[in-house]
C-alpha atoms as a PDB file:
ATOM      1  CA  UNK A   1       0.000   0.000   0.000  1.00  0.00           C
ATOM      2  CA  UNK A   2       2.895   2.374   0.656  1.00  0.00           C
ATOM      3  CA  UNK A   3       4.437   1.999  -2.781  1.00  0.00           C
ATOM      4  CA  UNK A   4       1.415   3.352  -4.711  1.00  0.00           C
ATOM      5  CA  UNK A   5       1.037   6.250  -2.273  1.00  0.00           C
ATOM      6  CA  UNK A   6       4.726   7.122  -2.606  1.00  0.00           C
ATOM      7  CA  UNK A   7       4.495   6.868  -6.379  1.00  0.00           C
ATOM      8  CA  UNK A   8       1.518   9.216  -6.388  1.00  0.00           C
ATOM      9  CA  UNK A   9       3.328  11.764  -4.228  1.00  0.00           C
ATOM     10  CA  UNK A  10       6.385  11.677  -6.484  1.00  0.00           C
ATOM     11  CA  UNK A  11       4.215  12.098  -9.583  1.00  0.00           C
ATOM     12  CA  UNK A  12       2.317  15.018  -8.039  1.00  0.00           C
ATOM     13  CA  UNK A  13       5.518  16.774  -6.970  1.00  0.00           C
ATOM     14  CA  UNK A  14       7.008  16.340 -10.455  1.00  0.00           C
ATOM     15  CA  UNK A  15       3.903  17.871 -12.046  1.00  0.00           C
ATOM     16  CA  UNK A  16       4.026  20.874  -9.716  1.00  0.00           C
ATOM     17  CA  UNK A  17       7.733  21.437 -10.457  1.00  0.00           C
ATOM     18  CA  UNK A  18       7.113  21.188 -14.195  1.00  0.00           C
ATOM     19  CA  UNK A  19       4.197  23.627 -13.939  1.00  0.00           C
ATOM     20  CA  UNK A  20       6.501  26.285 -12.471  1.00  0.00           C
ATOM     21  CA  UNK A  21       8.928  26.216 -15.410  1.00  0.00           C
ATOM     22  CA  UNK A  22       7.654  28.611 -18.088  1.00  0.00           C
ATOM     23  CA  UNK A  23       7.217  27.377 -21.644  1.00  0.00           C
ATOM     24  CA  UNK A  24       9.994  29.075 -23.614  1.00  0.00           C
ATOM     25  CA  UNK A  25       9.541  27.030 -26.795  1.00  0.00           C
ATOM     26  CA  UNK A  26       7.384  29.666 -28.595  1.00  0.00           C
ATOM     27  CA  UNK A  27      10.075  32.314 -28.032  1.00  0.00           C
ATOM     28  CA  UNK A  28      12.848  29.979 -29.151  1.00  0.00           C
ATOM     29  CA  UNK A  29      10.886  29.189 -32.318  1.00  0.00           C
ATOM     30  CA  UNK A  30      10.230  32.878 -32.962  1.00  0.00           C
ATOM     31  CA  UNK A  31      13.917  33.830 -32.769  1.00  0.00           C
ATOM     32  CA  UNK A  32      15.113  30.747 -34.733  1.00  0.00           C
ATOM     33  CA  UNK A  33      18.454  30.488 -32.926  1.00  0.00           C
ATOM     34  CA  UNK A  34      19.447  34.165 -33.094  1.00  0.00           C
ATOM     35  CA  UNK A  35      18.519  34.361 -29.400  1.00  0.00           C
ATOM     36  CA  UNK A  36      17.900  31.303 -27.245  1.00  0.00           C
ATOM     37  CA  UNK A  37      15.858  31.346 -24.051  1.00  0.00           C
ATOM     38  CA  UNK A  38      16.253  28.965 -21.108  1.00  0.00           C
ATOM     39  CA  UNK A  39      15.946  28.945 -17.330  1.00  0.00           C
ATOM     40  CA  UNK A  40      19.006  28.460 -15.126  1.00  0.00           C
ATOM     41  CA  UNK A  41      19.086  26.530 -11.858  1.00  0.00           C
ATOM     42  CA  UNK A  42      18.488  29.767  -9.914  1.00  0.00           C
ATOM     43  CA  UNK A  43      15.182  30.436 -11.672  1.00  0.00           C
ATOM     44  CA  UNK A  44      16.500  33.217 -13.893  1.00  0.00           C
ATOM     45  CA  UNK A  45      15.739  33.672 -17.567  1.00  0.00           C
ATOM     46  CA  UNK A  46      18.905  33.254 -19.643  1.00  0.00           C
ATOM     47  CA  UNK A  47      18.951  34.922 -23.065  1.00  0.00           C
ATOM     48  CA  UNK A  48      21.920  33.906 -25.218  1.00  0.00           C
ATOM     49  CA  UNK A  49      22.503  36.120 -28.279  1.00  0.00           C
ATOM     50  CA  UNK A  50      24.222  34.568 -31.312  1.00  0.00           C
ATOM     51  CA  UNK A  51      25.790  35.994 -34.461  1.00  0.00           C
ATOM     52  CA  UNK A  52      27.042  33.633 -37.170  1.00  0.00           C
ATOM     53  CA  UNK A  53      26.796  30.703 -34.759  1.00  0.00           C
ATOM     54  CA  UNK A  54      28.911  32.401 -32.072  1.00  0.00           C
ATOM     55  CA  UNK A  55      27.469  33.530 -28.744  1.00  0.00           C
ATOM     56  CA  UNK A  56      28.396  37.166 -28.197  1.00  0.00           C
ATOM     57  CA  UNK A  57      26.127  38.238 -25.317  1.00  0.00           C
ATOM     58  CA  UNK A  58      24.193  36.736 -22.429  1.00  0.00           C
ATOM     59  CA  UNK A  59      21.456  38.451 -20.429  1.00  0.00           C
ATOM     60  CA  UNK A  60      20.190  37.120 -17.078  1.00  0.00           C
ATOM     61  CA  UNK A  61      17.039  38.313 -15.313  1.00  0.00           C
ATOM     62  CA  UNK A  62      14.337  37.092 -12.967  1.00  0.00           C
ATOM     63  CA  UNK A  63      11.216  37.135 -15.130  1.00  0.00           C
ATOM     64  CA  UNK A  64       9.029  38.453 -12.305  1.00  0.00           C
ATOM     65  CA  UNK A  65      11.249  41.576 -12.078  1.00  0.00           C
ATOM     66  CA  UNK A  66      10.364  42.640 -15.641  1.00  0.00           C
ATOM     67  CA  UNK A  67       7.669  45.188 -16.457  1.00  0.00           C
ATOM     68  CA  UNK A  68       5.191  43.646 -18.934  1.00  0.00           C
ATOM     69  CA  UNK A  69       3.772  47.068 -19.816  1.00  0.00           C
ATOM     70  CA  UNK A  70       7.228  48.385 -20.742  1.00  0.00           C
ATOM     71  CA  UNK A  71       7.896  45.730 -23.416  1.00  0.00           C
ATOM     72  CA  UNK A  72       8.099  47.844 -26.561  1.00  0.00           C
ATOM     73  CA  UNK A  73       9.507  48.031 -30.056  1.00  0.00           C
ATOM     74  CA  UNK A  74      12.438  50.407 -30.545  1.00  0.00           C
ATOM     75  CA  UNK A  75      12.569  51.609 -34.145  1.00  0.00           C
ATOM     76  CA  UNK A  76      15.995  53.218 -33.597  1.00  0.00           C
ATOM     77  CA  UNK A  77      17.488  49.926 -32.432  1.00  0.00           C
ATOM     78  CA  UNK A  78      15.340  47.675 -34.660  1.00  0.00           C
ATOM     79  CA  UNK A  79      14.572  45.548 -31.636  1.00  0.00           C
ATOM     80  CA  UNK A  80      12.364  44.822 -28.680  1.00  0.00           C
ATOM     81  CA  UNK A  81      13.155  46.617 -25.437  1.00  0.00           C
ATOM     82  CA  UNK A  82      12.673  44.905 -22.076  1.00  0.00           C
ATOM     83  CA  UNK A  83      12.715  46.982 -18.891  1.00  0.00           C
ATOM     84  CA  UNK A  84      12.789  46.276 -15.172  1.00  0.00           C
ATOM     85  CA  UNK A  85       9.958  47.140 -12.825  1.00  0.00           C
ATOM     86  CA  UNK A  86      10.490  50.608 -11.305  1.00  0.00           C
ATOM     87  CA  UNK A  87      11.315  49.169  -7.858  1.00  0.00           C
ATOM     88  CA  UNK A  88      13.709  46.564  -9.326  1.00  0.00           C
ATOM     89  CA  UNK A  89      16.261  48.856 -10.962  1.00  0.00           C
ATOM     90  CA  UNK A  90      19.160  47.182 -12.757  1.00  0.00           C
ATOM     91  CA  UNK A  91      17.581  43.721 -12.694  1.00  0.00           C
ATOM     92  CA  UNK A  92      19.499  42.618 -15.813  1.00  0.00           C
ATOM     93  CA  UNK A  93      22.979  41.171 -15.762  1.00  0.00           C
ATOM     94  CA  UNK A  94      24.392  41.646 -19.260  1.00  0.00           C
ATOM     95  CA  UNK A  95      27.622  39.879 -20.197  1.00  0.00           C
ATOM     96  CA  UNK A  96      29.362  40.882 -23.423  1.00  0.00           C
ATOM     97  CA  UNK A  97      31.909  38.178 -24.197  1.00  0.00           C
ATOM     98  CA  UNK A  98      34.013  40.082 -26.746  1.00  0.00           C
ATOM     99  CA  UNK A  99      34.630  42.894 -24.253  1.00  0.00           C
ATOM    100  CA  UNK A 100      34.861  40.510 -21.286  1.00  0.00           C
ATOM    101  CA  UNK A 101      32.533  42.693 -19.190  1.00  0.00           C
ATOM    102  CA  UNK A 102      29.442  42.141 -17.085  1.00  0.00           C
ATOM    103  CA  UNK A 103      27.112  45.084 -16.551  1.00  0.00           C
ATOM    104  CA  UNK A 104      23.990  45.579 -14.502  1.00  0.00           C
ATOM    105  CA  UNK A 105      21.330  47.486 -16.384  1.00  0.00           C
ATOM    106  CA  UNK A 106      17.640  48.386 -16.248  1.00  0.00           C
ATOM    107  CA  UNK A 107      17.014  47.747 -19.939  1.00  0.00           C
ATOM    108  CA  UNK A 108      18.053  45.370 -22.707  1.00  0.00           C
ATOM    109  CA  UNK A 109      17.182  45.244 -26.376  1.00  0.00           C
ATOM    110  CA  UNK A 110      16.558  42.009 -28.250  1.00  0.00           C
ATOM    111  CA  UNK A 111      17.076  42.054 -32.007  1.00  0.00           C
ATOM    112  CA  UNK A 112      13.695  41.697 -33.703  1.00  0.00           C
ATOM    113  CA  UNK A 113      13.168  38.209 -35.162  1.00  0.00           C
ATOM    114  CA  UNK A 114      13.397  37.923 -38.938  1.00  0.00           C
ATOM    115  CA  UNK A 115       9.866  36.489 -39.053  1.00  0.00           C
ATOM    116  CA  UNK A 116       8.444  39.387 -36.995  1.00  0.00           C
ATOM    117  CA  UNK A 117      10.305  42.564 -38.059  1.00  0.00           C
ATOM    118  CA  UNK A 118       7.972  44.927 -36.161  1.00  0.00           C
ATOM    119  CA  UNK A 119       8.018  42.653 -33.114  1.00  0.00           C
ATOM    120  CA  UNK A 120       4.239  42.571 -32.508  1.00  0.00           C
ATOM    121  CA  UNK A 121       3.950  38.795 -32.094  1.00  0.00           C
ATOM    122  CA  UNK A 122       7.169  38.587 -30.089  1.00  0.00           C
ATOM    123  CA  UNK A 123       6.132  41.390 -27.728  1.00  0.00           C
ATOM    124  CA  UNK A 124       2.867  39.550 -27.059  1.00  0.00           C
ATOM    125  CA  UNK A 125       4.778  36.334 -26.239  1.00  0.00           C
ATOM    126  CA  UNK A 126       7.139  38.216 -23.906  1.00  0.00           C
ATOM    127  CA  UNK A 127       4.298  40.031 -22.108  1.00  0.00           C
ATOM    128  CA  UNK A 128       2.428  36.750 -21.602  1.00  0.00           C
ATOM    129  CA  UNK A 129       5.584  35.088 -20.247  1.00  0.00           C
ATOM    130  CA  UNK A 130       6.216  37.937 -17.789  1.00  0.00           C
ATOM    131  CA  UNK A 131       2.607  38.103 -16.582  1.00  0.00           C
ATOM    132  CA  UNK A 132       2.381  34.346 -16.050  1.00  0.00           C
ATOM    133  CA  UNK A 133       5.672  34.337 -14.095  1.00  0.00           C
ATOM    134  CA  UNK A 134       4.451  37.217 -11.928  1.00  0.00           C
ATOM    135  CA  UNK A 135       1.167  35.413 -11.297  1.00  0.00           C
ATOM    136  CA  UNK A 136       2.989  32.225 -10.224  1.00  0.00           C
ATOM    137  CA  UNK A 137       5.261  34.325  -7.993  1.00  0.00           C
ATOM    138  CA  UNK A 138       2.265  36.084  -6.387  1.00  0.00           C
ATOM    139  CA  UNK A 139       0.614  32.727  -5.693  1.00  0.00           C
ATOM    140  CA  UNK A 140       3.813  31.341  -4.166  1.00  0.00           C
ATOM    141  CA  UNK A 141       4.157  34.350  -1.854  1.00  0.00           C
ATOM    142  CA  UNK A 142       0.579  33.856  -0.636  1.00  0.00           C
ATOM    143  CA  UNK A 143       1.183  30.213   0.316  1.00  0.00           C
ATOM    144  CA  UNK A 144       2.313  29.012   3.706  1.00  0.00           C
ATOM    145  CA  UNK A 145       6.054  28.332   3.614  1.00  0.00           C
ATOM    146  CA  UNK A 146       7.025  24.675   3.700  1.00  0.00           C
ATOM    147  CA  UNK A 147       9.927  25.178   6.084  1.00  0.00           C
ATOM    148  CA  UNK A 148      10.319  27.475   9.077  1.00  0.00           C
ATOM    149  CA  UNK A 149      11.401  31.026   8.371  1.00  0.00           C
ATOM    150  CA  UNK A 150      13.467  31.202  11.561  1.00  0.00           C
ATOM    151  CA  UNK A 151      16.714  29.348  11.952  1.00  0.00           C
ATOM    152  CA  UNK A 152      16.435  28.581  15.693  1.00  0.00           C
ATOM    153  CA  UNK A 153      12.940  27.171  16.141  1.00  0.00           C
ATOM    154  CA  UNK A 154      12.332  25.218  19.350  1.00  0.00           C
END
């Protein structure tokens, strides 16, 4: 009797973990390898920028620290601008490999995908991703923590 119950608990926990990982496949398909999106083990969105098969830049950010309303198309830069929430200034870590520098910034620009030159479809995907991550984060904050918040509980 214990084996089926244990199996059920493992299956349920795996489903809940999988539900918390955002679906980045639509964005990866949209950018067709020019920019790849993945989550790191710290729960940050990793955006790797490629040119001629070589990675030249990497941006890291917690999705819930992005402002979905500030996702916009920049005609001057021919790209899509992402910005931090006002109270989360410099939420991006931008590493430029050629210059061997890492910078903290409040804004990054993603080159517009070839299939979406004005960025309308891509901006919609990014806004949906940000809003869903913020909703999951809000739900998690409202839950009772699974472990004690204090180190020296008696």
